[in-house]
C-alpha cells in the first residue's frame, strides 16, 4: 500500500500546493472584503421614499382642493342662474 502511494506522490504534490494556494488566496480575499452595514443606506432609501410620498400626497390634496373649489363655484353659478330664470318665469 505504501509503495502505491509513493508512486502517485509526485502527482499529488502539485495538486496539494495548488489547493493550498487557492485556500490562502481565498482567505486573504475574504479578509480584504469590506464588511459594510447596508442598514443606513436602506433607511436613507426609505426616508427618501417617504419624502416623495408626502410630496405626492400634498400635491394630490392641493389638486383635490382646487377641483372642489371649482365645483362649488360652478354650483353657486348654476344656482344663481336657476334663481334668475325662476324669477324671470314667475314674476315677469
Protein backbone atom coordinates (compact mmCIF):
# COMPACT_ATOMS: atom_id res chain seq x y z
CA UNK A 1 0.00 0.00 0.00
CA UNK A 2 2.78 2.42 0.86
CA UNK A 3 4.51 1.58 -2.41
CA UNK A 4 1.47 2.56 -4.46
CA UNK A 5 1.12 5.85 -2.55
CA UNK A 6 4.78 6.74 -3.20
CA UNK A 7 4.25 6.09 -6.86
CA UNK A 8 1.46 8.73 -7.04
CA UNK A 9 3.12 11.21 -4.66
CA UNK A 10 4.72 13.28 -7.46
CA UNK A 11 1.26 13.75 -8.97
CA UNK A 12 -0.36 14.71 -5.66
CA UNK A 13 2.25 17.29 -4.57
CA UNK A 14 1.42 19.88 -7.26
CA UNK A 15 -2.27 19.31 -6.56
CA UNK A 16 -1.73 19.88 -2.83
CA UNK A 17 0.30 23.05 -3.46
CA UNK A 18 -2.35 24.36 -5.87
CA UNK A 19 -5.15 23.71 -3.37
CA UNK A 20 -3.12 25.38 -0.61
CA UNK A 21 -2.51 28.40 -2.86
CA UNK A 22 -6.23 28.71 -3.63
CA UNK A 23 -7.24 28.41 0.02
CA UNK A 24 -4.64 31.01 1.02
CA UNK A 25 -5.84 33.40 -1.68
CA UNK A 26 -9.50 32.87 -0.72
CA UNK A 27 -8.79 33.56 2.95
CA UNK A 28 -6.86 36.74 2.15
CA UNK A 29 -9.60 37.83 -0.25
CA UNK A 30 -12.30 37.28 2.38
CA UNK A 31 -10.28 39.37 4.81
CA UNK A 32 -10.00 42.23 2.32
CA UNK A 33 -13.71 42.39 1.57
CA UNK A 34 -15.32 45.44 3.13
CA UNK A 35 -17.79 44.38 5.76
CA UNK A 36 -20.38 47.10 5.17
CA UNK A 37 -23.58 47.62 7.05
CA UNK A 38 -26.23 48.45 4.48
CA UNK A 39 -28.82 49.35 7.11
CA UNK A 40 -28.12 53.08 6.92
CA UNK A 41 -28.44 53.02 3.12
CA UNK A 42 -31.76 51.19 3.37
CA UNK A 43 -33.04 53.64 6.00
CA UNK A 44 -31.99 56.56 3.79
CA UNK A 45 -33.82 54.99 0.86
CA UNK A 46 -36.97 54.50 2.93
CA UNK A 47 -36.76 58.10 4.18
CA UNK A 48 -36.36 59.36 0.61
CA UNK A 49 -39.40 57.32 -0.48
CA UNK A 50 -41.41 58.74 2.44
CA UNK A 51 -40.49 62.29 1.48
CA UNK A 52 -41.53 61.63 -2.11
CA UNK A 53 -44.79 60.07 -0.91
CA UNK A 54 -45.53 63.07 1.31
CA UNK A 55 -44.91 65.43 -1.62
CA UNK A 56 -47.28 63.41 -3.81
CA UNK A 57 -49.93 63.38 -1.07
CA UNK A 58 -49.61 67.15 -0.66
CA UNK A 59 -49.84 67.68 -4.43
CA UNK A 60 -52.94 65.45 -4.64
CA UNK A 61 -54.52 67.28 -1.70
CA UNK A 62 -53.94 70.64 -3.40
CA UNK A 63 -55.36 69.30 -6.66
CA UNK A 64 -58.50 67.99 -4.91
CA UNK A 65 -58.98 71.31 -3.12
CA UNK A 66 -58.75 73.19 -6.42
CA UNK A 67 -61.27 70.82 -8.02
CA UNK A 68 -63.62 71.16 -5.03
CA UNK A 69 -63.36 74.97 -5.23
CA UNK A 70 -64.23 74.89 -8.95
CA UNK A 71 -67.19 72.59 -8.30
CA UNK A 72 -68.51 74.88 -5.52
CA UNK A 73 -68.10 77.90 -7.79
CA UNK A 74 -69.88 76.09 -10.63
CA UNK A 75 -72.73 75.03 -8.31
CA UNK A 76 -73.16 78.58 -6.98
CA UNK A 77 -73.17 79.97 -10.51
CA UNK A 78 -75.77 77.41 -11.60
CA UNK A 79 -77.90 78.18 -8.53
CA UNK A 80 -77.80 81.92 -9.27
CA UNK A 81 -78.74 81.32 -12.90
CA UNK A 82 -81.60 78.98 -11.90
CA UNK A 83 -82.91 81.55 -9.39
CA UNK A 84 -82.73 84.26 -12.09
CA UNK A 85 -84.60 82.01 -14.54
CA UNK A 86 -87.22 81.21 -11.88
CA UNK A 87 -87.73 84.90 -11.10
CA UNK A 88 -87.99 85.70 -14.81
CA UNK A 89 -90.54 82.94 -15.42
CA UNK A 90 -92.79 83.50 -12.37
CA UNK A 91 -92.61 87.26 -11.82
CA UNK A 92 -92.45 88.79 -15.30
